[in-house]
PDB file of N, CA and C in Angstrom:
ATOM      1  N   MET A   1    -129.676 178.055-112.654  1.00  0.00           N
ATOM      2  CA  MET A   1    -130.190 177.640-111.373  1.00  0.00           C
ATOM      3  C   MET A   1    -130.523 178.891-110.552  1.00  0.00           C
ATOM      4  N   PRO A   2    -131.731 178.990-110.023  1.00  0.00           N
ATOM      5  CA  PRO A   2    -132.092 180.171-109.239  1.00  0.00           C
ATOM      6  C   PRO A   2    -131.331 180.222-107.919  1.00  0.00           C
ATOM      7  N   THR A   3    -131.055 181.418-107.480  1.00  0.00           N
ATOM      8  CA  THR A   3    -130.368 181.621-106.213  1.00  0.00           C
ATOM      9  C   THR A   3    -131.398 181.657-105.092  1.00  0.00           C
ATOM     10  N   THR A   4    -131.105 180.939-104.006  1.00  0.00           N
ATOM     11  CA  THR A   4    -131.980 180.958-102.838  1.00  0.00           C
ATOM     12  C   THR A   4    -131.632 182.168-101.985  1.00  0.00           C
ATOM     13  N   GLN A   5    -132.650 182.897-101.559  1.00  0.00           N
ATOM     14  CA  GLN A   5    -132.456 184.077-100.727  1.00  0.00           C
ATOM     15  C   GLN A   5    -133.094 183.844 -99.364  1.00  0.00           C
ATOM     16  N   LEU A   6    -132.315 184.066 -98.310  1.00  0.00           N
ATOM     17  CA  LEU A   6    -132.766 183.909 -96.936  1.00  0.00           C
ATOM     18  C   LEU A   6    -132.450 185.188 -96.163  1.00  0.00           C
ATOM     19  N   VAL A   7    -132.990 185.306 -94.956  1.00  0.00           N
ATOM     20  CA  VAL A   7    -132.731 186.466 -94.109  1.00  0.00           C
ATOM     21  C   VAL A   7    -132.053 185.987 -92.828  1.00  0.00           C
ATOM     22  N   ILE A   8    -131.000 186.679 -92.430  1.00  0.00           N
ATOM     23  CA  ILE A   8    -130.289 186.381 -91.184  1.00  0.00           C
ATOM     24  C   ILE A   8    -130.759 187.378 -90.133  1.00  0.00           C
ATOM     25  N   LEU A   9    -131.162 186.834 -88.983  1.00  0.00           N
ATOM     26  CA  LEU A   9    -131.630 187.649 -87.865  1.00  0.00           C
ATOM     27  C   LEU A   9    -130.953 187.176 -86.586  1.00  0.00           C
ATOM     28  N   SER A  10    -131.035 187.970 -85.546  1.00  0.00           N
ATOM     29  CA  SER A  10    -130.550 187.566 -84.237  1.00  0.00           C
ATOM     30  C   SER A  10    -131.542 186.585 -83.621  1.00  0.00           C
ATOM     31  N   ARG A  11    -131.041 185.651 -82.818  1.00  0.00           N
ATOM     32  CA  ARG A  11    -131.936 184.763 -82.067  1.00  0.00           C
ATOM     33  C   ARG A  11    -132.555 185.472 -80.876  1.00  0.00           C
ATOM     34  N   GLU A  12    -131.959 186.581 -80.461  1.00  0.00           N
ATOM     35  CA  GLU A  12    -132.449 187.344 -79.317  1.00  0.00           C
ATOM     36  C   GLU A  12    -133.728 188.099 -79.688  1.00  0.00           C
ATOM     37  N   SER A  13    -134.537 188.375 -78.722  1.00  0.00           N
ATOM     38  CA  SER A  13    -135.743 189.181 -78.938  1.00  0.00           C
ATOM     39  C   SER A  13    -135.391 190.651 -78.801  1.00  0.00           C
ATOM     40  N   GLY A  14    -135.916 191.451 -79.703  1.00  0.00           N
ATOM     41  CA  GLY A  14    -135.705 192.887 -79.628  1.00  0.00           C
ATOM     42  C   GLY A  14    -136.824 193.545 -78.845  1.00  0.00           C
ATOM     43  N   ARG A  15    -136.705 194.829 -78.639  1.00  0.00           N
ATOM     44  CA  ARG A  15    -137.793 195.568 -78.018  1.00  0.00           C
ATOM     45  C   ARG A  15    -139.008 195.474 -78.933  1.00  0.00           C
ATOM     46  N   GLU A  16    -140.162 195.659 -78.357  1.00  0.00           N
ATOM     47  CA  GLU A  16    -141.387 195.522 -79.131  1.00  0.00           C
ATOM     48  C   GLU A  16    -141.339 196.396 -80.388  1.00  0.00           C
ATOM     49  N   GLY A  17    -141.590 195.775 -81.525  1.00  0.00           N
ATOM     50  CA  GLY A  17    -141.599 196.496 -82.785  1.00  0.00           C
ATOM     51  C   GLY A  17    -140.229 196.686 -83.414  1.00  0.00           C
ATOM     52  N   GLU A  18    -139.175 196.148 -82.798  1.00  0.00           N
ATOM     53  CA  GLU A  18    -137.811 196.289 -83.329  1.00  0.00           C
ATOM     54  C   GLU A  18    -137.135 194.939 -83.438  1.00  0.00           C
ATOM     55  N   LEU A  19    -136.252 194.822 -84.400  1.00  0.00           N
ATOM     56  CA  LEU A  19    -135.410 193.639 -84.505  1.00  0.00           C
ATOM     57  C   LEU A  19    -134.220 193.789 -83.566  1.00  0.00           C
ATOM     58  N   ALA A  20    -133.836 192.706 -82.915  1.00  0.00           N
ATOM     59  CA  ALA A  20    -132.641 192.738 -82.057  1.00  0.00           C
ATOM     60  C   ALA A  20    -131.408 192.834 -82.946  1.00  0.00           C
ATOM     61  N   PRO A  21    -130.388 193.549 -82.519  1.00  0.00           N
ATOM     62  CA  PRO A  21    -129.164 193.639 -83.322  1.00  0.00           C
ATOM     63  C   PRO A  21    -128.440 192.298 -83.385  1.00  0.00           C
ATOM     64  N   ILE A  22    -127.896 192.009 -84.563  1.00  0.00           N
ATOM     65  CA  ILE A  22    -127.044 190.831 -84.733  1.00  0.00           C
ATOM     66  C   ILE A  22    -125.670 191.142 -84.153  1.00  0.00           C
ATOM     67  N   GLY A  23    -125.215 192.380 -84.367  1.00  0.00           N
ATOM     68  CA  GLY A  23    -123.926 192.804 -83.845  1.00  0.00           C
ATOM     69  C   GLY A  23    -123.476 194.099 -84.469  1.00  0.00           C
ATOM     70  N   ASP A  24    -122.402 194.643 -83.913  1.00  0.00           N
ATOM     71  CA  ASP A  24    -121.787 195.841 -84.491  1.00  0.00           C
ATOM     72  C   ASP A  24    -121.165 195.473 -85.828  1.00  0.00           C
ATOM     73  N   ARG A  25    -121.242 196.383 -86.777  1.00  0.00           N
ATOM     74  CA  ARG A  25    -120.774 196.124 -88.142  1.00  0.00           C
ATOM     75  C   ARG A  25    -119.317 195.641 -88.170  1.00  0.00           C
ATOM     76  N   ALA A  26    -118.410 196.356 -87.518  1.00  0.00           N
ATOM     77  CA  ALA A  26    -116.988 195.991 -87.544  1.00  0.00           C
ATOM     78  C   ALA A  26    -116.755 194.624 -86.899  1.00  0.00           C
ATOM     79  N   ASP A  27    -117.410 194.361 -85.770  1.00  0.00           N
ATOM     80  CA  ASP A  27    -117.254 193.064 -85.093  1.00  0.00           C
ATOM     81  C   ASP A  27    -117.796 191.933 -85.955  1.00  0.00           C
ATOM     82  N   LEU A  28    -118.935 192.165 -86.588  1.00  0.00           N
ATOM     83  CA  LEU A  28    -119.547 191.152 -87.428  1.00  0.00           C
ATOM     84  C   LEU A  28    -118.657 190.822 -88.624  1.00  0.00           C
ATOM     85  N   ILE A  29    -118.112 191.838 -89.264  1.00  0.00           N
ATOM     86  CA  ILE A  29    -117.222 191.609 -90.406  1.00  0.00           C
ATOM     87  C   ILE A  29    -115.970 190.855 -89.956  1.00  0.00           C
ATOM     88  N   ARG A  30    -115.424 191.214 -88.804  1.00  0.00           N
ATOM     89  CA  ARG A  30    -114.234 190.519 -88.290  1.00  0.00           C
ATOM     90  C   ARG A  30    -114.556 189.052 -87.981  1.00  0.00           C
ATOM     91  N   GLN A  31    -115.695 188.795 -87.329  1.00  0.00           N
ATOM     92  CA  GLN A  31    -116.088 187.421 -87.011  1.00  0.00           C
ATOM     93  C   GLN A  31    -116.263 186.589 -88.280  1.00  0.00           C
ATOM     94  N   LEU A  32    -116.835 187.188 -89.306  1.00  0.00           N
ATOM     95  CA  LEU A  32    -117.036 186.462 -90.558  1.00  0.00           C
ATOM     96  C   LEU A  32    -115.717 186.253 -91.298  1.00  0.00           C
ATOM     97  N   GLN A  33    -114.835 187.239 -91.262  1.00  0.00           N
ATOM     98  CA  GLN A  33    -113.528 187.068 -91.910  1.00  0.00           C
ATOM     99  C   GLN A  33    -112.748 185.940 -91.255  1.00  0.00           C
ATOM    100  N   ASP A  34    -112.887 185.777 -89.941  1.00  0.00           N
ATOM    101  CA  ASP A  34    -112.242 184.665 -89.236  1.00  0.00           C
ATOM    102  C   ASP A  34    -112.802 183.316 -89.691  1.00  0.00           C
ATOM    103  N   ARG A  35    -113.962 183.338 -90.349  1.00  0.00           N
ATOM    104  CA  ARG A  35    -114.625 182.126 -90.817  1.00  0.00           C
ATOM    105  C   ARG A  35    -114.667 182.068 -92.346  1.00  0.00           C
ATOM    106  N   ASN A  36    -113.679 182.669 -92.996  1.00  0.00           N
ATOM    107  CA  ASN A  36    -113.497 182.591 -94.445  1.00  0.00           C
ATOM    108  C   ASN A  36    -114.631 183.259 -95.236  1.00  0.00           C
ATOM    109  N   THR A  37    -115.189 184.341 -94.709  1.00  0.00           N
ATOM    110  CA  THR A  37    -116.245 185.072 -95.398  1.00  0.00           C
ATOM    111  C   THR A  37    -115.953 186.562 -95.232  1.00  0.00           C
ATOM    112  N   GLY A  38    -115.820 187.264 -96.360  1.00  0.00           N
ATOM    113  CA  GLY A  38    -115.503 188.678 -96.243  1.00  0.00           C
ATOM    114  C   GLY A  38    -115.723 189.428 -97.538  1.00  0.00           C
ATOM    115  N   PRO A  39    -115.549 190.745 -97.493  1.00  0.00           N
ATOM    116  CA  PRO A  39    -115.740 191.582 -98.691  1.00  0.00           C
ATOM    117  C   PRO A  39    -114.534 191.487 -99.621  1.00  0.00           C
ATOM    118  N   GLU A  40    -114.765 191.798-100.893  1.00  0.00           N
ATOM    119  CA  GLU A  40    -113.648 191.867-101.843  1.00  0.00           C
ATOM    120  C   GLU A  40    -112.737 193.039-101.500  1.00  0.00           C
ATOM    121  N   ARG A  41    -113.361 194.165-101.088  1.00  0.00           N
ATOM    122  CA  ARG A  41    -112.604 195.361-100.708  1.00  0.00           C
ATOM    123  C   ARG A  41    -113.160 195.896 -99.399  1.00  0.00           C
ATOM    124  N   ASP A  42    -112.299 196.523 -98.609  1.00  0.00           N
ATOM    125  CA  ASP A  42    -112.764 197.144 -97.362  1.00  0.00           C
ATOM    126  C   ASP A  42    -113.897 198.120 -97.663  1.00  0.00           C
ATOM    127  N   GLY A  43    -114.917 198.071 -96.844  1.00  0.00           N
ATOM    128  CA  GLY A  43    -116.044 198.979 -96.999  1.00  0.00           C
ATOM    129  C   GLY A  43    -117.176 198.452 -97.857  1.00  0.00           C
ATOM    130  N   ASP A  44    -116.956 197.324 -98.567  1.00  0.00           N
ATOM    131  CA  ASP A  44    -118.035 196.750 -99.378  1.00  0.00           C
ATOM    132  C   ASP A  44    -119.128 196.182 -98.487  1.00  0.00           C
ATOM    133  N   ASP A  45    -120.346 196.179 -98.995  1.00  0.00           N
ATOM    134  CA  ASP A  45    -121.494 195.679 -98.243  1.00  0.00           C
ATOM    135  C   ASP A  45    -121.834 194.229 -98.564  1.00  0.00           C
ATOM    136  N   VAL A  46    -121.107 193.606 -99.490  1.00  0.00           N
ATOM    137  CA  VAL A  46    -121.337 192.206 -99.832  1.00  0.00           C
ATOM    138  C   VAL A  46    -120.132 191.398 -99.375  1.00  0.00           C
ATOM    139  N   LEU A  47    -120.413 190.334 -98.607  1.00  0.00           N
ATOM    140  CA  LEU A  47    -119.374 189.445 -98.097  1.00  0.00           C
ATOM    141  C   LEU A  47    -119.508 188.109 -98.808  1.00  0.00           C
ATOM    142  N   TYR A  48    -118.370 187.550 -99.244  1.00  0.00           N
ATOM    143  CA  TYR A  48    -118.372 186.311-100.006  1.00  0.00           C
ATOM    144  C   TYR A  48    -117.756 185.193 -99.168  1.00  0.00           C
ATOM    145  N   GLY A  49    -118.418 184.063 -99.173  1.00  0.00           N
ATOM    146  CA  GLY A  49    -117.918 182.890 -98.480  1.00  0.00           C
ATOM    147  C   GLY A  49    -118.157 181.662 -99.332  1.00  0.00           C
ATOM    148  N   PRO A  50    -117.760 180.506 -98.830  1.00  0.00           N
ATOM    149  CA  PRO A  50    -117.944 179.272 -99.599  1.00  0.00           C
ATOM    150  C   PRO A  50    -119.424 178.983 -99.865  1.00  0.00           C
ATOM    151  N   GLY A  51    -119.850 179.160-101.114  1.00  0.00           N
ATOM    152  CA  GLY A  51    -121.217 178.862-101.517  1.00  0.00           C
ATOM    153  C   GLY A  51    -122.252 179.890-101.124  1.00  0.00           C
ATOM    154  N   ILE A  52    -121.824 181.017-100.545  1.00  0.00           N
ATOM    155  CA  ILE A  52    -122.776 182.027-100.063  1.00  0.00           C
ATOM    156  C   ILE A  52    -122.303 183.446-100.344  1.00  0.00           C
ATOM    157  N   GLU A  53    -123.262 184.360-100.324  1.00  0.00           N
ATOM    158  CA  GLU A  53    -123.005 185.799-100.280  1.00  0.00           C
ATOM    159  C   GLU A  53    -123.879 186.353 -99.164  1.00  0.00           C
ATOM    160  N   ILE A  54    -123.338 187.251 -98.379  1.00  0.00           N
ATOM    161  CA  ILE A  54    -124.100 187.920 -97.339  1.00  0.00           C
ATOM    162  C   ILE A  54    -124.115 189.404 -97.657  1.00  0.00           C
ATOM    163  N   GLN A  55    -125.316 189.961 -97.772  1.00  0.00           N
ATOM    164  CA  GLN A  55    -125.472 191.381 -98.080  1.00  0.00           C
ATOM    165  C   GLN A  55    -125.808 192.140 -96.800  1.00  0.00           C
ATOM    166  N   LEU A  56    -124.933 193.076 -96.448  1.00  0.00           N
ATOM    167  CA  LEU A  56    -125.153 193.928 -95.278  1.00  0.00           C
ATOM    168  C   LEU A  56    -125.953 195.152 -95.696  1.00  0.00           C
ATOM    169  N   PRO A  57    -126.831 195.633 -94.829  1.00  0.00           N
ATOM    170  CA  PRO A  57    -127.539 196.869 -95.166  1.00  0.00           C
ATOM    171  C   PRO A  57    -126.559 198.044 -95.146  1.00  0.00           C
ATOM    172  N   PRO A  58    -126.532 198.855 -96.200  1.00  0.00           N
ATOM    173  CA  PRO A  58    -125.591 199.977 -96.255  1.00  0.00           C
ATOM    174  C   PRO A  58    -125.805 200.955 -95.099  1.00  0.00           C
ATOM    175  N   HIS A  59    -124.720 201.394 -94.526  1.00  0.00           N
ATOM    176  CA  HIS A  59    -124.700 202.445 -93.510  1.00  0.00           C
ATOM    177  C   HIS A  59    -125.448 202.095 -92.224  1.00  0.00           C
ATOM    178  N   GLU A  60    -125.771 200.827 -91.986  1.00  0.00           N
ATOM    179  CA  GLU A  60    -126.453 200.449 -90.743  1.00  0.00           C
ATOM    180  C   GLU A  60    -125.439 199.923 -89.733  1.00  0.00           C
ATOM    181  N   ASP A  61    -125.497 200.422 -88.517  1.00  0.00           N
ATOM    182  CA  ASP A  61    -124.627 199.963 -87.442  1.00  0.00           C
ATOM    183  C   ASP A  61    -125.309 200.282 -86.114  1.00  0.00           C
ATOM    184  N   PRO A  62    -125.705 199.320 -85.334  1.00  0.00           N
ATOM    185  CA  PRO A  62    -125.469 197.889 -85.491  1.00  0.00           C
ATOM    186  C   PRO A  62    -126.366 197.284 -86.579  1.00  0.00           C
ATOM    187  N   ILE A  63    -125.944 196.101 -87.031  1.00  0.00           N
ATOM    188  CA  ILE A  63    -126.671 195.356 -88.058  1.00  0.00           C
ATOM    189  C   ILE A  63    -127.838 194.618 -87.406  1.00  0.00           C
ATOM    190  N   ARG A  64    -129.035 194.744 -87.974  1.00  0.00           N
ATOM    191  CA  ARG A  64    -130.223 194.079 -87.429  1.00  0.00           C
ATOM    192  C   ARG A  64    -130.718 192.930 -88.307  1.00  0.00           C
ATOM    193  N   GLN A  65    -130.378 192.945 -89.581  1.00  0.00           N
ATOM    194  CA  GLN A  65    -130.703 191.831 -90.462  1.00  0.00           C
ATOM    195  C   GLN A  65    -129.788 191.885 -91.672  1.00  0.00           C
ATOM    196  N   MET A  66    -129.583 190.713 -92.279  1.00  0.00           N
ATOM    197  CA  MET A  66    -128.743 190.607 -93.461  1.00  0.00           C
ATOM    198  C   MET A  66    -129.432 189.666 -94.440  1.00  0.00           C
ATOM    199  N   ILE A  67    -129.140 189.832 -95.708  1.00  0.00           N
ATOM    200  CA  ILE A  67    -129.650 188.932 -96.736  1.00  0.00           C
ATOM    201  C   ILE A  67    -128.569 187.893 -97.026  1.00  0.00           C
ATOM    202  N   LEU A  68    -128.970 186.633 -97.084  1.00  0.00           N
ATOM    203  CA  LEU A  68    -128.064 185.522 -97.368  1.00  0.00           C
ATOM    204  C   LEU A  68    -128.472 184.915 -98.694  1.00  0.00           C
ATOM    205  N   LEU A  69    -127.546 184.881 -99.642  1.00  0.00           N
ATOM    206  CA  LEU A  69    -127.786 184.258-100.940  1.00  0.00           C
ATOM    207  C   LEU A  69    -126.975 182.975-101.031  1.00  0.00           C
ATOM    208  N   ILE A  70    -127.620 181.906-101.427  1.00  0.00           N
ATOM    209  CA  ILE A  70    -126.917 180.643-101.645  1.00  0.00           C
ATOM    210  C   ILE A  70    -126.494 180.608-103.101  1.00  0.00           C
ATOM    211  N   THR A  71    -125.182 180.550-103.336  1.00  0.00           N
ATOM    212  CA  THR A  71    -124.649 180.553-104.697  1.00  0.00           C
ATOM    213  C   THR A  71    -124.156 179.180-105.132  1.00  0.00           C
ATOM    214  N   ASP A  72    -123.943 178.275-104.194  1.00  0.00           N
ATOM    215  CA  ASP A  72    -123.539 176.902-104.508  1.00  0.00           C
ATOM    216  C   ASP A  72    -124.199 175.972-103.488  1.00  0.00           C
ATOM    217  N   GLU A  73    -125.304 175.394-103.890  1.00  0.00           N
ATOM    218  CA  GLU A  73    -126.120 174.552-103.018  1.00  0.00           C
ATOM    219  C   GLU A  73    -125.319 173.380-102.437  1.00  0.00           C
ATOM    220  N   ASP A  74    -124.334 172.880-103.158  1.00  0.00           N
ATOM    221  CA  ASP A  74    -123.575 171.704-102.715  1.00  0.00           C
ATOM    222  C   ASP A  74    -122.778 171.953-101.440  1.00  0.00           C
ATOM    223  N   ILE A  75    -122.274 173.167-101.259  1.00  0.00           N
ATOM    224  CA  ILE A  75    -121.453 173.423-100.068  1.00  0.00           C
ATOM    225  C   ILE A  75    -122.062 174.433 -99.098  1.00  0.00           C
ATOM    226  N   ALA A  76    -123.052 175.171 -99.545  1.00  0.00           N
ATOM    227  CA  ALA A  76    -123.585 176.278 -98.740  1.00  0.00           C
ATOM    228  C   ALA A  76    -124.178 175.843 -97.412  1.00  0.00           C
ATOM    229  N   TRP A  77    -124.939 174.772 -97.367  1.00  0.00           N
ATOM    230  CA  TRP A  77    -125.662 174.430 -96.139  1.00  0.00           C
ATOM    231  C   TRP A  77    -124.741 174.080 -94.990  1.00  0.00           C
ATOM    232  N   THR A  78    -123.624 173.450 -95.272  1.00  0.00           N
ATOM    233  CA  THR A  78    -122.652 173.170 -94.212  1.00  0.00           C
ATOM    234  C   THR A  78    -122.126 174.480 -93.633  1.00  0.00           C
ATOM    235  N   VAL A  79    -121.813 175.421 -94.512  1.00  0.00           N
ATOM    236  CA  VAL A  79    -121.308 176.734 -94.100  1.00  0.00           C
ATOM    237  C   VAL A  79    -122.377 177.495 -93.317  1.00  0.00           C
ATOM    238  N   ILE A  80    -123.594 177.516 -93.830  1.00  0.00           N
ATOM    239  CA  ILE A  80    -124.691 178.258 -93.176  1.00  0.00           C
ATOM    240  C   ILE A  80    -124.956 177.716 -91.784  1.00  0.00           C
ATOM    241  N   LEU A  81    -125.039 176.402 -91.653  1.00  0.00           N
ATOM    242  CA  LEU A  81    -125.318 175.808 -90.340  1.00  0.00           C
ATOM    243  C   LEU A  81    -124.213 176.113 -89.341  1.00  0.00           C
ATOM    244  N   ARG A  82    -122.955 176.049 -89.789  1.00  0.00           N
ATOM    245  CA  ARG A  82    -121.836 176.356 -88.893  1.00  0.00           C
ATOM    246  C   ARG A  82    -121.875 177.821 -88.462  1.00  0.00           C
ATOM    247  N   LEU A  83    -122.063 178.735 -89.417  1.00  0.00           N
ATOM    248  CA  LEU A  83    -122.123 180.163 -89.078  1.00  0.00           C
ATOM    249  C   LEU A  83    -123.284 180.463 -88.139  1.00  0.00           C
ATOM    250  N   ALA A  84    -124.450 179.914 -88.436  1.00  0.00           N
ATOM    251  CA  ALA A  84    -125.629 180.178 -87.600  1.00  0.00           C
ATOM    252  C   ALA A  84    -125.440 179.648 -86.184  1.00  0.00           C
ATOM    253  N   ARG A  85    -124.836 178.489 -86.070  1.00  0.00           N
ATOM    254  CA  ARG A  85    -124.609 177.902 -84.739  1.00  0.00           C
ATOM    255  C   ARG A  85    -123.581 178.713 -83.956  1.00  0.00           C
ATOM    256  N   GLU A  86    -122.448 179.021 -84.584  1.00  0.00           N
ATOM    257  CA  GLU A  86    -121.363 179.718 -83.889  1.00  0.00           C
ATOM    258  C   GLU A  86    -121.699 181.178 -83.587  1.00  0.00           C
ATOM    259  N   LEU A  87    -122.435 181.836 -84.469  1.00  0.00           N
ATOM    260  CA  LEU A  87    -122.718 183.263 -84.304  1.00  0.00           C
ATOM    261  C   LEU A  87    -124.121 183.527 -83.756  1.00  0.00           C
ATOM    262  N   LYS A  88    -124.824 182.451 -83.411  1.00  0.00           N
ATOM    263  CA  LYS A  88    -126.159 182.544 -82.782  1.00  0.00           C
ATOM    264  C   LYS A  88    -127.160 183.308 -83.648  1.00  0.00           C
ATOM    265  N   TRP A  89    -127.234 182.889 -84.918  1.00  0.00           N
ATOM    266  CA  TRP A  89    -128.166 183.490 -85.856  1.00  0.00           C
ATOM    267  C   TRP A  89    -129.437 182.667 -85.962  1.00  0.00           C
ATOM    268  N   LYS A  90    -130.478 183.323 -86.392  1.00  0.00           N
ATOM    269  CA  LYS A  90    -131.709 182.677 -86.832  1.00  0.00           C
ATOM    270  C   LYS A  90    -131.772 182.936 -88.335  1.00  0.00           C
ATOM    271  N   ILE A  91    -132.024 181.880 -89.120  1.00  0.00           N
ATOM    272  CA  ILE A  91    -132.130 182.000 -90.567  1.00  0.00           C
ATOM    273  C   ILE A  91    -133.607 181.854 -90.926  1.00  0.00           C
ATOM    274  N   SER A  92    -134.125 182.808 -91.661  1.00  0.00           N
ATOM    275  CA  SER A  92    -135.541 182.819 -92.004  1.00  0.00           C
ATOM    276  C   SER A  92    -135.723 182.787 -93.520  1.00  0.00           C
ATOM    277  N   ASP A  93    -136.671 181.974 -93.969  1.00  0.00           N
ATOM    278  CA  ASP A  93    -137.047 181.938 -95.376  1.00  0.00           C
ATOM    279  C   ASP A  93    -138.240 182.879 -95.533  1.00  0.00           C
ATOM    280  N   PRO A  94    -138.070 184.023 -96.192  1.00  0.00           N
ATOM    281  CA  PRO A  94    -139.157 184.996 -96.277  1.00  0.00           C
ATOM    282  C   PRO A  94    -140.335 184.514 -97.120  1.00  0.00           C
ATOM    283  N   TYR A  95    -140.130 183.485 -97.921  1.00  0.00           N
ATOM    284  CA  TYR A  95    -141.192 183.003 -98.801  1.00  0.00           C
ATOM    285  C   TYR A  95    -142.073 181.964 -98.120  1.00  0.00           C
ATOM    286  N   SER A  96    -141.462 181.079 -97.325  1.00  0.00           N
ATOM    287  CA  SER A  96    -142.241 180.031 -96.663  1.00  0.00           C
ATOM    288  C   SER A  96    -142.556 180.372 -95.202  1.00  0.00           C
ATOM    289  N   GLY A  97    -141.778 181.305 -94.624  1.00  0.00           N
ATOM    290  CA  GLY A  97    -141.952 181.639 -93.213  1.00  0.00           C
ATOM    291  C   GLY A  97    -141.225 180.691 -92.277  1.00  0.00           C
ATOM    292  N   ARG A  98    -140.549 179.678 -92.806  1.00  0.00           N
ATOM    293  CA  ARG A  98    -139.827 178.731 -91.956  1.00  0.00           C
ATOM    294  C   ARG A  98    -138.569 179.391 -91.401  1.00  0.00           C
ATOM    295  N   GLU A  99    -138.191 178.947 -90.187  1.00  0.00           N
ATOM    296  CA  GLU A  99    -136.994 179.468 -89.524  1.00  0.00           C
ATOM    297  C   GLU A  99    -136.089 178.322 -89.117  1.00  0.00           C
ATOM    298  N   LEU A 100    -134.794 178.597 -89.151  1.00  0.00           N
ATOM    299  CA  LEU A 100    -133.779 177.640 -88.763  1.00  0.00           C
ATOM    300  C   LEU A 100    -132.993 178.269 -87.619  1.00  0.00           C
ATOM    301  N   LYS A 101    -132.925 177.572 -86.487  1.00  0.00           N
ATOM    302  CA  LYS A 101    -132.168 178.066 -85.329  1.00  0.00           C
ATOM    303  C   LYS A 101    -131.270 176.939 -84.847  1.00  0.00           C
ATOM    304  N   PRO A 102    -130.132 176.734 -85.509  1.00  0.00           N
ATOM    305  CA  PRO A 102    -129.254 175.600 -85.117  1.00  0.00           C
ATOM    306  C   PRO A 102    -128.601 175.806 -83.761  1.00  0.00           C
TER     307      PRO A 102
END
């Protein structure tokens, strides 16, 4: 089964020509760990959660975009919608151009 790849962005508008920051790296990792999503080891750039993987850009702080991989379609969408709503994310499908802003 192919993995679905999406992009996580801030709902806020950035300065012209720039993406708005989603958040500081440490704060973002802490917020996600509080929601059952985190790295296998401290310092890793891949965070694992129920049905999803979130890839952080290496050495970027603040974080401006992340890659979201759906690894289990049956449970991922509930998790994605909750995270996007609580953390004020915009989820973008780079292939279709559709955006989700719960």
